[in-house]
PDB file of N, CA and C in Angstrom:
ATOM      1  N   MET A   1     -14.849 -14.848   1.275  1.00  0.00           N
ATOM      2  CA  MET A   1     -14.139 -15.433   0.443  1.00  0.00           C
ATOM      3  C   MET A   1     -13.483 -14.295  -0.761  1.00  0.00           C
ATOM      4  N   THR A   2     -12.371 -14.063  -0.663  1.00  0.00           N
ATOM      5  CA  THR A   2     -11.760 -13.010  -1.638  1.00  0.00           C
ATOM      6  C   THR A   2     -11.483 -13.618  -3.103  1.00  0.00           C
ATOM      7  N   ALA A   3     -11.156 -12.702  -4.037  1.00  0.00           N
ATOM      8  CA  ALA A   3     -11.057 -13.169  -5.501  1.00  0.00           C
ATOM      9  C   ALA A   3      -9.996 -13.664  -5.426  1.00  0.00           C
ATOM     10  N   ARG A   4      -8.925 -13.307  -4.515  1.00  0.00           N
ATOM     11  CA  ARG A   4      -7.448 -14.134  -4.838  1.00  0.00           C
ATOM     12  C   ARG A   4      -7.665 -15.399  -4.262  1.00  0.00           C
ATOM     13  N   ASP A   5      -8.286 -15.641  -3.272  1.00  0.00           N
ATOM     14  CA  ASP A   5      -8.685 -16.971  -2.651  1.00  0.00           C
ATOM     15  C   ASP A   5      -9.415 -17.883  -3.737  1.00  0.00           C
ATOM     16  N   ARG A   6     -10.344 -17.342  -4.492  1.00  0.00           N
ATOM     17  CA  ARG A   6     -10.958 -18.299  -5.315  1.00  0.00           C
ATOM     18  C   ARG A   6     -10.181 -18.733  -6.559  1.00  0.00           C
ATOM     19  N   ILE A   7      -9.406 -17.391  -6.980  1.00  0.00           N
ATOM     20  CA  ILE A   7      -8.407 -17.777  -8.048  1.00  0.00           C
ATOM     21  C   ILE A   7      -7.305 -18.816  -7.739  1.00  0.00           C
ATOM     22  N   ARG A   8      -6.822 -18.938  -6.506  1.00  0.00           N
ATOM     23  CA  ARG A   8      -5.995 -20.223  -5.937  1.00  0.00           C
ATOM     24  C   ARG A   8      -6.731 -21.401  -5.832  1.00  0.00           C
ATOM     25  N   GLU A   9      -7.899 -21.361  -5.320  1.00  0.00           N
ATOM     26  CA  GLU A   9      -8.635 -22.575  -5.651  1.00  0.00           C
ATOM     27  C   GLU A   9      -8.797 -23.210  -6.850  1.00  0.00           C
ATOM     28  N   ARG A  10      -9.066 -22.472  -7.773  1.00  0.00           N
ATOM     29  CA  ARG A  10      -9.402 -22.628  -9.157  1.00  0.00           C
ATOM     30  C   ARG A  10      -8.037 -23.125  -9.655  1.00  0.00           C
ATOM     31  N   ARG A  11      -6.853 -22.587  -9.178  1.00  0.00           N
ATOM     32  CA  ARG A  11      -5.572 -22.887  -9.825  1.00  0.00           C
ATOM     33  C   ARG A  11      -5.153 -24.273  -9.530  1.00  0.00           C
ATOM     34  N   ALA A  12      -5.681 -24.667  -8.182  1.00  0.00           N
ATOM     35  CA  ALA A  12      -5.365 -26.121  -7.605  1.00  0.00           C
ATOM     36  C   ALA A  12      -6.216 -26.963  -8.458  1.00  0.00           C
ATOM     37  N   ARG A  13      -7.472 -26.874  -8.869  1.00  0.00           N
ATOM     38  CA  ARG A  13      -8.188 -27.662  -9.611  1.00  0.00           C
ATOM     39  C   ARG A  13      -7.421 -27.807 -10.807  1.00  0.00           C
ATOM     40  N   HIS A  14      -7.355 -26.688 -11.565  1.00  0.00           N
ATOM     41  CA  HIS A  14      -6.679 -26.843 -13.193  1.00  0.00           C
ATOM     42  C   HIS A  14      -5.485 -27.292 -13.206  1.00  0.00           C
ATOM     43  N   ARG A  15      -4.682 -27.336 -12.269  1.00  0.00           N
ATOM     44  CA  ARG A  15      -3.506 -27.855 -12.220  1.00  0.00           C
ATOM     45  C   ARG A  15      -3.563 -29.641 -12.475  1.00  0.00           C
ATOM     46  N   GLN A  16      -4.895 -30.052 -12.277  1.00  0.00           N
ATOM     47  CA  GLN A  16      -5.294 -31.640 -12.037  1.00  0.00           C
ATOM     48  C   GLN A  16      -5.491 -31.904 -13.769  1.00  0.00           C
ATOM     49  N   ARG A  17      -6.015 -30.910 -14.455  1.00  0.00           N
ATOM     50  CA  ARG A  17      -6.477 -30.891 -15.835  1.00  0.00           C
ATOM     51  C   ARG A  17      -5.339 -31.569 -16.716  1.00  0.00           C
ATOM     52  N   ARG A  18      -5.416 -31.940 -17.904  1.00  0.00           N
ATOM     53  CA  ARG A  18      -4.699 -32.485 -19.184  1.00  0.00           C
ATOM     54  C   ARG A  18      -3.838 -31.364 -19.428  1.00  0.00           C
ATOM     55  N   LEU A  19      -2.529 -31.637 -20.081  1.00  0.00           N
ATOM     56  CA  LEU A  19      -1.704 -30.463 -20.515  1.00  0.00           C
ATOM     57  C   LEU A  19      -2.463 -29.770 -21.749  1.00  0.00           C
ATOM     58  N   SER A  20      -3.105 -30.672 -22.603  1.00  0.00           N
ATOM     59  CA  SER A  20      -3.631 -30.120 -23.536  1.00  0.00           C
ATOM     60  C   SER A  20      -4.751 -28.971 -23.390  1.00  0.00           C
ATOM     61  N   VAL A  21      -5.509 -29.383 -22.486  1.00  0.00           N
ATOM     62  CA  VAL A  21      -6.235 -28.360 -22.014  1.00  0.00           C
ATOM     63  C   VAL A  21      -5.979 -27.046 -21.282  1.00  0.00           C
ATOM     64  N   ARG A  22      -4.965 -27.202 -20.507  1.00  0.00           N
ATOM     65  CA  ARG A  22      -3.988 -26.177 -19.905  1.00  0.00           C
ATOM     66  C   ARG A  22      -3.657 -25.119 -20.817  1.00  0.00           C
ATOM     67  N   ALA A  23      -2.933 -25.892 -22.069  1.00  0.00           N
ATOM     68  CA  ALA A  23      -2.047 -25.363 -22.923  1.00  0.00           C
ATOM     69  C   ALA A  23      -3.350 -24.208 -23.795  1.00  0.00           C
ATOM     70  N   ALA A  24      -4.714 -24.814 -23.658  1.00  0.00           N
ATOM     71  CA  ALA A  24      -5.601 -24.176 -24.627  1.00  0.00           C
ATOM     72  C   ALA A  24      -6.226 -22.986 -23.715  1.00  0.00           C
ATOM     73  N   VAL A  25      -6.167 -22.883 -22.578  1.00  0.00           N
ATOM     74  CA  VAL A  25      -6.618 -22.364 -21.466  1.00  0.00           C
ATOM     75  C   VAL A  25      -5.560 -21.079 -21.481  1.00  0.00           C
ATOM     76  N   ALA A  26      -4.288 -21.243 -21.431  1.00  0.00           N
ATOM     77  CA  ALA A  26      -3.141 -20.390 -21.802  1.00  0.00           C
ATOM     78  C   ALA A  26      -3.218 -19.451 -22.860  1.00  0.00           C
ATOM     79  N   LEU A  27      -3.400 -20.184 -23.837  1.00  0.00           N
ATOM     80  CA  LEU A  27      -3.569 -19.655 -25.438  1.00  0.00           C
ATOM     81  C   LEU A  27      -4.888 -18.562 -25.440  1.00  0.00           C
ATOM     82  N   ALA A  28      -5.912 -19.114 -25.040  1.00  0.00           N
ATOM     83  CA  ALA A  28      -6.923 -18.336 -25.001  1.00  0.00           C
ATOM     84  C   ALA A  28      -6.644 -17.297 -24.130  1.00  0.00           C
ATOM     85  N   GLY A  29      -6.332 -17.277 -22.764  1.00  0.00           N
ATOM     86  CA  GLY A  29      -5.817 -16.386 -21.921  1.00  0.00           C
ATOM     87  C   GLY A  29      -5.122 -15.237 -22.554  1.00  0.00           C
ATOM     88  N   PHE A  30      -3.948 -15.518 -23.264  1.00  0.00           N
ATOM     89  CA  PHE A  30      -3.094 -14.636 -24.340  1.00  0.00           C
ATOM     90  C   PHE A  30      -3.650 -13.994 -25.388  1.00  0.00           C
ATOM     91  N   ALA A  31      -4.661 -14.421 -25.885  1.00  0.00           N
ATOM     92  CA  ALA A  31      -5.387 -14.120 -26.911  1.00  0.00           C
ATOM     93  C   ALA A  31      -6.442 -13.053 -26.502  1.00  0.00           C
ATOM     94  N   THR A  32      -7.118 -13.288 -25.479  1.00  0.00           N
ATOM     95  CA  THR A  32      -8.168 -12.507 -24.722  1.00  0.00           C
ATOM     96  C   THR A  32      -7.437 -11.159 -24.012  1.00  0.00           C
ATOM     97  N   LEU A  33      -6.214 -11.216 -23.705  1.00  0.00           N
ATOM     98  CA  LEU A  33      -5.641 -10.215 -23.152  1.00  0.00           C
ATOM     99  C   LEU A  33      -4.843  -9.306 -24.257  1.00  0.00           C
ATOM    100  N   ALA A  34      -4.385 -10.033 -25.358  1.00  0.00           N
ATOM    101  CA  ALA A  34      -4.246  -9.003 -26.735  1.00  0.00           C
ATOM    102  C   ALA A  34      -5.090  -8.165 -27.277  1.00  0.00           C
ATOM    103  N   ALA A  35      -6.573  -9.063 -27.274  1.00  0.00           N
ATOM    104  CA  ALA A  35      -7.702  -8.323 -27.888  1.00  0.00           C
ATOM    105  C   ALA A  35      -8.004  -6.913 -26.749  1.00  0.00           C
ATOM    106  N   GLY A  36      -8.017  -7.379 -25.380  1.00  0.00           N
ATOM    107  CA  GLY A  36      -8.255  -6.330 -24.513  1.00  0.00           C
ATOM    108  C   GLY A  36      -7.112  -5.308 -24.590  1.00  0.00           C
ATOM    109  N   LEU A  37      -6.099  -5.509 -24.455  1.00  0.00           N
ATOM    110  CA  LEU A  37      -5.214  -4.308 -24.677  1.00  0.00           C
ATOM    111  C   LEU A  37      -5.274  -3.518 -25.810  1.00  0.00           C
ATOM    112  N   ALA A  38      -5.721  -4.318 -27.084  1.00  0.00           N
ATOM    113  CA  ALA A  38      -6.031  -3.582 -28.325  1.00  0.00           C
ATOM    114  C   ALA A  38      -7.363  -2.562 -28.113  1.00  0.00           C
ATOM    115  N   LEU A  39      -8.166  -3.018 -27.416  1.00  0.00           N
ATOM    116  CA  LEU A  39      -9.330  -2.249 -27.144  1.00  0.00           C
ATOM    117  C   LEU A  39      -9.524  -1.254 -26.126  1.00  0.00           C
ATOM    118  N   LEU A  40      -8.133  -1.185 -25.477  1.00  0.00           N
ATOM    119  CA  LEU A  40      -7.804  -0.069 -24.642  1.00  0.00           C
ATOM    120  C   LEU A  40      -7.726   1.201 -25.583  1.00  0.00           C
ATOM    121  N   VAL A  41      -7.309   1.171 -26.876  1.00  0.00           N
ATOM    122  CA  VAL A  41      -7.008   2.306 -27.235  1.00  0.00           C
ATOM    123  C   VAL A  41      -7.973   2.293 -28.638  1.00  0.00           C
ATOM    124  N   LEU A  42      -8.572   1.246 -28.776  1.00  0.00           N
ATOM    125  CA  LEU A  42      -9.357   1.333 -29.972  1.00  0.00           C
ATOM    126  C   LEU A  42     -10.857   1.389 -29.044  1.00  0.00           C
ATOM    127  N   PRO A  43     -12.021   1.545 -29.806  1.00  0.00           N
ATOM    128  CA  PRO A  43     -13.401   1.500 -29.240  1.00  0.00           C
ATOM    129  C   PRO A  43     -13.733   0.176 -28.910  1.00  0.00           C
ATOM    130  N   GLY A  44     -13.960  -0.094 -27.485  1.00  0.00           N
ATOM    131  CA  GLY A  44     -14.565  -1.344 -27.214  1.00  0.00           C
ATOM    132  C   GLY A  44     -14.250  -1.489 -25.776  1.00  0.00           C
ATOM    133  N   PRO A  45     -14.751  -2.682 -25.398  1.00  0.00           N
ATOM    134  CA  PRO A  45     -14.854  -2.971 -23.845  1.00  0.00           C
ATOM    135  C   PRO A  45     -13.128  -3.548 -23.343  1.00  0.00           C
ATOM    136  N   GLY A  46     -12.284  -2.708 -23.299  1.00  0.00           N
ATOM    137  CA  GLY A  46     -10.931  -3.013 -23.109  1.00  0.00           C
ATOM    138  C   GLY A  46     -10.717  -3.395 -21.542  1.00  0.00           C
ATOM    139  N   LEU A  47     -11.140  -2.932 -20.722  1.00  0.00           N
ATOM    140  CA  LEU A  47     -10.998  -3.460 -19.390  1.00  0.00           C
ATOM    141  C   LEU A  47     -11.406  -4.752 -18.858  1.00  0.00           C
ATOM    142  N   PRO A  48     -12.631  -4.955 -19.542  1.00  0.00           N
ATOM    143  CA  PRO A  48     -13.237  -6.177 -19.054  1.00  0.00           C
ATOM    144  C   PRO A  48     -12.601  -7.520 -19.685  1.00  0.00           C
ATOM    145  N   LEU A  49     -12.119  -7.200 -21.001  1.00  0.00           N
ATOM    146  CA  LEU A  49     -11.344  -8.279 -21.840  1.00  0.00           C
ATOM    147  C   LEU A  49      -9.993  -8.327 -21.088  1.00  0.00           C
ATOM    148  N   VAL A  50      -9.374  -7.459 -20.687  1.00  0.00           N
ATOM    149  CA  VAL A  50      -7.959  -7.709 -19.991  1.00  0.00           C
ATOM    150  C   VAL A  50      -8.160  -8.390 -18.694  1.00  0.00           C
ATOM    151  N   ALA A  51      -8.988  -7.924 -17.916  1.00  0.00           N
ATOM    152  CA  ALA A  51      -9.638  -8.698 -16.737  1.00  0.00           C
ATOM    153  C   ALA A  51      -9.713 -10.267 -16.909  1.00  0.00           C
ATOM    154  N   ALA A  52     -10.483 -10.719 -17.958  1.00  0.00           N
ATOM    155  CA  ALA A  52     -10.817 -11.896 -18.444  1.00  0.00           C
ATOM    156  C   ALA A  52      -9.534 -12.549 -18.882  1.00  0.00           C
ATOM    157  N   GLY A  53      -8.811 -12.057 -19.726  1.00  0.00           N
ATOM    158  CA  GLY A  53      -7.576 -12.668 -20.063  1.00  0.00           C
ATOM    159  C   GLY A  53      -6.450 -12.794 -19.118  1.00  0.00           C
ATOM    160  N   LEU A  54      -6.599 -11.942 -18.009  1.00  0.00           N
ATOM    161  CA  LEU A  54      -5.522 -12.246 -16.914  1.00  0.00           C
ATOM    162  C   LEU A  54      -6.113 -13.286 -15.932  1.00  0.00           C
ATOM    163  N   GLY A  55      -7.568 -13.435 -16.130  1.00  0.00           N
ATOM    164  CA  GLY A  55      -8.157 -14.389 -15.099  1.00  0.00           C
ATOM    165  C   GLY A  55      -7.830 -15.742 -15.811  1.00  0.00           C
ATOM    166  N   LEU A  56      -8.044 -15.802 -16.993  1.00  0.00           N
ATOM    167  CA  LEU A  56      -7.484 -17.415 -17.635  1.00  0.00           C
ATOM    168  C   LEU A  56      -5.959 -17.653 -17.463  1.00  0.00           C
ATOM    169  N   LEU A  57      -5.274 -16.262 -17.475  1.00  0.00           N
ATOM    170  CA  LEU A  57      -3.576 -16.895 -17.224  1.00  0.00           C
ATOM    171  C   LEU A  57      -3.364 -16.710 -15.855  1.00  0.00           C
ATOM    172  N   ALA A  58      -4.313 -16.422 -15.019  1.00  0.00           N
ATOM    173  CA  ALA A  58      -3.742 -16.389 -13.508  1.00  0.00           C
ATOM    174  C   ALA A  58      -3.822 -17.919 -13.031  1.00  0.00           C
ATOM    175  N   LEU A  59      -4.465 -18.817 -13.901  1.00  0.00           N
ATOM    176  CA  LEU A  59      -4.719 -20.277 -13.570  1.00  0.00           C
ATOM    177  C   LEU A  59      -3.240 -21.055 -13.931  1.00  0.00           C
ATOM    178  N   GLU A  60      -2.372 -20.346 -14.771  1.00  0.00           N
ATOM    179  CA  GLU A  60      -1.126 -21.017 -15.029  1.00  0.00           C
ATOM    180  C   GLU A  60      -0.057 -20.273 -14.585  1.00  0.00           C
ATOM    181  N   PHE A  61      -0.181 -18.792 -14.382  1.00  0.00           N
ATOM    182  CA  PHE A  61       0.944 -17.833 -14.073  1.00  0.00           C
ATOM    183  C   PHE A  61       0.592 -17.164 -12.883  1.00  0.00           C
ATOM    184  N   ARG A  62       1.699 -17.074 -12.026  1.00  0.00           N
ATOM    185  CA  ARG A  62       1.603 -16.262 -10.671  1.00  0.00           C
ATOM    186  C   ARG A  62       1.756 -14.606 -11.242  1.00  0.00           C
ATOM    187  N   TRP A  63       2.418 -14.371 -12.064  1.00  0.00           N
ATOM    188  CA  TRP A  63       2.622 -13.023 -12.581  1.00  0.00           C
ATOM    189  C   TRP A  63       1.300 -12.258 -12.977  1.00  0.00           C
ATOM    190  N   ALA A  64       0.486 -13.158 -13.621  1.00  0.00           N
ATOM    191  CA  ALA A  64      -0.809 -12.914 -14.255  1.00  0.00           C
ATOM    192  C   ALA A  64      -1.598 -12.399 -12.959  1.00  0.00           C
ATOM    193  N   GLU A  65      -1.515 -13.544 -11.924  1.00  0.00           N
ATOM    194  CA  GLU A  65      -2.294 -13.045 -10.679  1.00  0.00           C
ATOM    195  C   GLU A  65      -2.234 -11.822 -10.237  1.00  0.00           C
ATOM    196  N   ALA A  66      -0.936 -11.496  -9.929  1.00  0.00           N
ATOM    197  CA  ALA A  66      -0.739 -10.127  -9.547  1.00  0.00           C
ATOM    198  C   ALA A  66      -1.132  -9.005 -10.763  1.00  0.00           C
ATOM    199  N   ALA A  67      -1.014  -9.243 -11.755  1.00  0.00           N
ATOM    200  CA  ALA A  67      -1.619  -8.091 -12.925  1.00  0.00           C
ATOM    201  C   ALA A  67      -3.253  -8.171 -12.543  1.00  0.00           C
ATOM    202  N   LEU A  68      -3.727  -9.254 -12.393  1.00  0.00           N
ATOM    203  CA  LEU A  68      -5.046  -9.460 -12.425  1.00  0.00           C
ATOM    204  C   LEU A  68      -5.576  -8.449 -11.062  1.00  0.00           C
ATOM    205  N   ASP A  69      -4.969  -8.787  -9.963  1.00  0.00           N
ATOM    206  CA  ASP A  69      -5.201  -7.953  -8.868  1.00  0.00           C
ATOM    207  C   ASP A  69      -5.184  -6.335  -8.729  1.00  0.00           C
ATOM    208  N   ARG A  70      -4.067  -6.110  -9.973  1.00  0.00           N
ATOM    209  CA  ARG A  70      -4.261  -4.648 -10.039  1.00  0.00           C
ATOM    210  C   ARG A  70      -5.184  -4.372 -11.270  1.00  0.00           C
ATOM    211  N   ALA A  71      -5.476  -5.008 -12.204  1.00  0.00           N
ATOM    212  CA  ALA A  71      -6.582  -4.532 -13.032  1.00  0.00           C
ATOM    213  C   ALA A  71      -7.999  -4.499 -12.510  1.00  0.00           C
ATOM    214  N   LEU A  72      -8.392  -5.592 -11.453  1.00  0.00           N
ATOM    215  CA  LEU A  72      -9.296  -5.718 -10.699  1.00  0.00           C
ATOM    216  C   LEU A  72      -9.656  -4.184  -9.875  1.00  0.00           C
ATOM    217  N   HIS A  73      -8.539  -3.912  -9.328  1.00  0.00           N
ATOM    218  CA  HIS A  73      -8.486  -2.708  -8.515  1.00  0.00           C
ATOM    219  C   HIS A  73      -8.642  -1.437  -9.338  1.00  0.00           C
ATOM    220  N   HIS A  74      -8.343  -1.456 -10.530  1.00  0.00           N
ATOM    221  CA  HIS A  74      -8.449  -0.338 -11.275  1.00  0.00           C
ATOM    222  C   HIS A  74     -10.255  -0.409 -12.207  1.00  0.00           C
ATOM    223  N   THR A  75     -10.557  -1.435 -12.279  1.00  0.00           N
ATOM    224  CA  THR A  75     -12.221  -1.574 -12.695  1.00  0.00           C
ATOM    225  C   THR A  75     -12.751  -1.354 -11.643  1.00  0.00           C
ATOM    226  N   GLU A  76     -12.395  -1.497 -10.379  1.00  0.00           N
ATOM    227  CA  GLU A  76     -13.496  -1.269  -9.197  1.00  0.00           C
ATOM    228  C   GLU A  76     -13.422   0.050  -8.865  1.00  0.00           C
ATOM    229  N   ARG A  77     -12.482   0.976  -9.320  1.00  0.00           N
ATOM    230  CA  ARG A  77     -12.391   2.282  -9.226  1.00  0.00           C
ATOM    231  C   ARG A  77     -13.518   3.099 -10.015  1.00  0.00           C
ATOM    232  N   VAL A  78     -13.740   2.360 -11.286  1.00  0.00           N
ATOM    233  CA  VAL A  78     -14.684   3.273 -12.449  1.00  0.00           C
ATOM    234  C   VAL A  78     -15.756   2.316 -12.188  1.00  0.00           C
ATOM    235  N   THR A  79     -16.219   1.468 -11.649  1.00  0.00           N
ATOM    236  CA  THR A  79     -17.473   0.908 -11.292  1.00  0.00           C
ATOM    237  C   THR A  79     -18.386   1.715 -10.472  1.00  0.00           C
ATOM    238  N   PRO A  80     -19.654   1.707 -11.522  1.00  0.00           N
ATOM    239  CA  PRO A  80     -20.670   2.660 -10.443  1.00  0.00           C
ATOM    240  C   PRO A  80     -20.947   2.020  -9.219  1.00  0.00           C
ATOM    241  N   LYS A  81     -21.133   2.873  -8.106  1.00  0.00           N
ATOM    242  CA  LYS A  81     -21.480   2.410  -6.717  1.00  0.00           C
ATOM    243  C   LYS A  81     -23.015   2.403  -6.385  1.00  0.00           C
ATOM    244  N   LYS A  82     -23.892   3.067  -7.006  1.00  0.00           N
ATOM    245  CA  LYS A  82     -24.989   3.113  -7.005  1.00  0.00           C
ATOM    246  C   LYS A  82     -25.814   2.117  -7.665  1.00  0.00           C
ATOM    247  N   ARG A  83     -27.065   1.825  -7.294  1.00  0.00           N
ATOM    248  CA  ARG A  83     -27.421   0.798  -7.645  1.00  0.00           C
ATOM    249  C   ARG A  83     -28.382   1.355  -9.017  1.00  0.00           C
ATOM    250  N   SER A  84     -28.665   2.724  -8.878  1.00  0.00           N
ATOM    251  CA  SER A  84     -29.365   2.878 -10.240  1.00  0.00           C
ATOM    252  C   SER A  84     -28.546   3.441 -11.111  1.00  0.00           C
ATOM    253  N   HIS A  85     -27.126   3.430 -10.685  1.00  0.00           N
ATOM    254  CA  HIS A  85     -26.239   4.058 -11.869  1.00  0.00           C
ATOM    255  C   HIS A  85     -25.966   2.583 -12.439  1.00  0.00           C
ATOM    256  N   ARG A  86     -25.781   1.410 -11.798  1.00  0.00           N
ATOM    257  CA  ARG A  86     -25.427   0.383 -12.261  1.00  0.00           C
ATOM    258  C   ARG A  86     -26.325  -0.285 -13.423  1.00  0.00           C
ATOM    259  N   PHE A  87     -27.842   0.034 -12.939  1.00  0.00           N
ATOM    260  CA  PHE A  87     -28.999  -0.231 -13.821  1.00  0.00           C
ATOM    261  C   PHE A  87     -28.778   0.424 -15.154  1.00  0.00           C
ATOM    262  N   ALA A  88     -28.466   1.878 -15.123  1.00  0.00           N
ATOM    263  CA  ALA A  88     -28.295   2.571 -16.300  1.00  0.00           C
ATOM    264  C   ALA A  88     -27.226   2.055 -16.913  1.00  0.00           C
ATOM    265  N   VAL A  89     -25.967   1.864 -16.485  1.00  0.00           N
ATOM    266  CA  VAL A  89     -25.021   1.254 -17.179  1.00  0.00           C
ATOM    267  C   VAL A  89     -25.324  -0.287 -18.169  1.00  0.00           C
ATOM    268  N   GLY A  90     -26.210  -0.614 -17.268  1.00  0.00           N
ATOM    269  CA  GLY A  90     -26.313  -1.976 -17.828  1.00  0.00           C
ATOM    270  C   GLY A  90     -27.295  -1.903 -18.853  1.00  0.00           C
ATOM    271  N   GLY A  91     -28.199  -0.958 -18.810  1.00  0.00           N
ATOM    272  CA  GLY A  91     -29.129  -0.747 -19.909  1.00  0.00           C
ATOM    273  C   GLY A  91     -28.566   0.035 -21.151  1.00  0.00           C
ATOM    274  N   ALA A  92     -27.719   0.945 -20.943  1.00  0.00           N
ATOM    275  CA  ALA A  92     -26.871   1.345 -21.976  1.00  0.00           C
ATOM    276  C   ALA A  92     -26.374   0.315 -22.723  1.00  0.00           C
ATOM    277  N   ALA A  93     -25.635  -0.662 -22.022  1.00  0.00           N
ATOM    278  CA  ALA A  93     -25.057  -1.763 -22.724  1.00  0.00           C
ATOM    279  C   ALA A  93     -25.983  -2.589 -23.688  1.00  0.00           C
ATOM    280  N   VAL A  94     -27.223  -2.806 -22.844  1.00  0.00           N
ATOM    281  CA  VAL A  94     -28.155  -3.500 -23.568  1.00  0.00           C
ATOM    282  C   VAL A  94     -28.509  -3.053 -24.669  1.00  0.00           C
ATOM    283  N   ALA A  95     -28.630  -1.779 -24.682  1.00  0.00           N
ATOM    284  CA  ALA A  95     -29.157  -0.749 -26.139  1.00  0.00           C
ATOM    285  C   ALA A  95     -28.226  -0.950 -26.956  1.00  0.00           C
ATOM    286  N   GLY A  96     -26.823  -0.934 -26.571  1.00  0.00           N
ATOM    287  CA  GLY A  96     -25.902  -0.699 -27.482  1.00  0.00           C
ATOM    288  C   GLY A  96     -25.725  -1.952 -28.296  1.00  0.00           C
ATOM    289  N   LEU A  97     -25.807  -3.117 -27.740  1.00  0.00           N
ATOM    290  CA  LEU A  97     -25.965  -4.437 -28.209  1.00  0.00           C
ATOM    291  C   LEU A  97     -26.905  -4.724 -29.192  1.00  0.00           C
ATOM    292  N   ALA A  98     -28.176  -4.256 -28.769  1.00  0.00           N
ATOM    293  CA  ALA A  98     -29.601  -4.185 -29.658  1.00  0.00           C
ATOM    294  C   ALA A  98     -29.268  -3.505 -30.724  1.00  0.00           C
ATOM    295  N   ALA A  99     -28.493  -2.198 -30.695  1.00  0.00           N
ATOM    296  CA  ALA A  99     -28.398  -1.393 -31.600  1.00  0.00           C
ATOM    297  C   ALA A  99     -27.432  -2.098 -32.685  1.00  0.00           C
ATOM    298  N   SER A 100     -26.125  -2.795 -32.080  1.00  0.00           N
ATOM    299  CA  SER A 100     -25.278  -3.429 -33.176  1.00  0.00           C
ATOM    300  C   SER A 100     -25.936  -4.673 -33.901  1.00  0.00           C
ATOM    301  N   ALA A 101     -26.863  -5.307 -32.974  1.00  0.00           N
ATOM    302  CA  ALA A 101     -27.436  -6.665 -33.649  1.00  0.00           C
ATOM    303  C   ALA A 101     -28.361  -6.092 -34.819  1.00  0.00           C
ATOM    304  N   THR A 102     -29.196  -4.573 -34.653  1.00  0.00           N
ATOM    305  CA  THR A 102     -30.021  -4.498 -35.647  1.00  0.00           C
ATOM    306  C   THR A 102     -29.506  -3.896 -36.795  1.00  0.00           C
ATOM    307  N   LEU A 103     -28.131  -2.942 -36.546  1.00  0.00           N
ATOM    308  CA  LEU A 103     -27.344  -2.632 -37.776  1.00  0.00           C
ATOM    309  C   LEU A 103     -26.742  -3.837 -38.608  1.00  0.00           C
ATOM    310  N   LEU A 104     -26.317  -5.006 -37.807  1.00  0.00           N
ATOM    311  CA  LEU A 104     -25.953  -6.022 -38.767  1.00  0.00           C
ATOM    312  C   LEU A 104     -27.033  -6.920 -39.400  1.00  0.00           C
ATOM    313  N   VAL A 105     -28.249  -6.800 -39.026  1.00  0.00           N
ATOM    314  CA  VAL A 105     -29.153  -7.305 -39.610  1.00  0.00           C
ATOM    315  C   VAL A 105     -29.521  -6.827 -40.826  1.00  0.00           C
ATOM    316  N   ILE A 106     -29.702  -5.341 -40.668  1.00  0.00           N
ATOM    317  CA  ILE A 106     -30.024  -4.297 -41.855  1.00  0.00           C
ATOM    318  C   ILE A 106     -29.010  -4.186 -42.995  1.00  0.00           C
ATOM    319  N   PHE A 107     -27.852  -4.173 -42.329  1.00  0.00           N
ATOM    320  CA  PHE A 107     -26.657  -3.794 -43.550  1.00  0.00           C
ATOM    321  C   PHE A 107     -25.855  -5.173 -43.775  1.00  0.00           C
ATOM    322  N   GLY A 108     -25.957  -6.243 -42.784  1.00  0.00           N
ATOM    323  CA  GLY A 108     -25.244  -7.412 -43.189  1.00  0.00           C
ATOM    324  C   GLY A 108     -23.556  -7.116 -42.386  1.00  0.00           C
ATOM    325  N   VAL A 109     -23.001  -8.210 -42.515  1.00  0.00           N
ATOM    326  CA  VAL A 109     -21.474  -8.076 -42.260  1.00  0.00           C
ATOM    327  C   VAL A 109     -20.602  -7.545 -43.179  1.00  0.00           C
ATOM    328  N   PRO A 110     -19.897  -6.587 -42.944  1.00  0.00           N
ATOM    329  CA  PRO A 110     -18.999  -6.152 -43.585  1.00  0.00           C
ATOM    330  C   PRO A 110     -17.959  -6.887 -44.416  1.00  0.00           C
ATOM    331  N   PHE A 111     -17.373  -6.679 -45.592  1.00  0.00           N
ATOM    332  CA  PHE A 111     -16.260  -7.799 -46.137  1.00  0.00           C
ATOM    333  C   PHE A 111     -16.832  -9.088 -46.123  1.00  0.00           C
ATOM    334  N   LEU A 112     -18.138  -9.352 -46.208  1.00  0.00           N
ATOM    335  CA  LEU A 112     -18.403 -10.885 -46.439  1.00  0.00           C
ATOM    336  C   LEU A 112     -19.074 -11.140 -47.536  1.00  0.00           C
TER     337      LEU A 112
END
């Protein structure tokens, strides 16, 4: 089963939900997409957030499904293919999160 088939199945189930839930999902999708687009030029994980935002929006909008296909194609291009490389990238991500958490504990949250 392809990602497109899974999205279509989820969209069919999503259409059965209440309008308030559907509106909240669309709002969360736009917010996540906006954050991801901002992080494309700022330091941070822009592409995963763009894909997540488009994934939420694809439940409601067909244009978002097409954009999600393009975004997933681009993320597949930069995804490491070898298992050892994927472990290295995962380890680097965990180390980065641990370092960020340590700095927050030591210095606190700025502006609070």
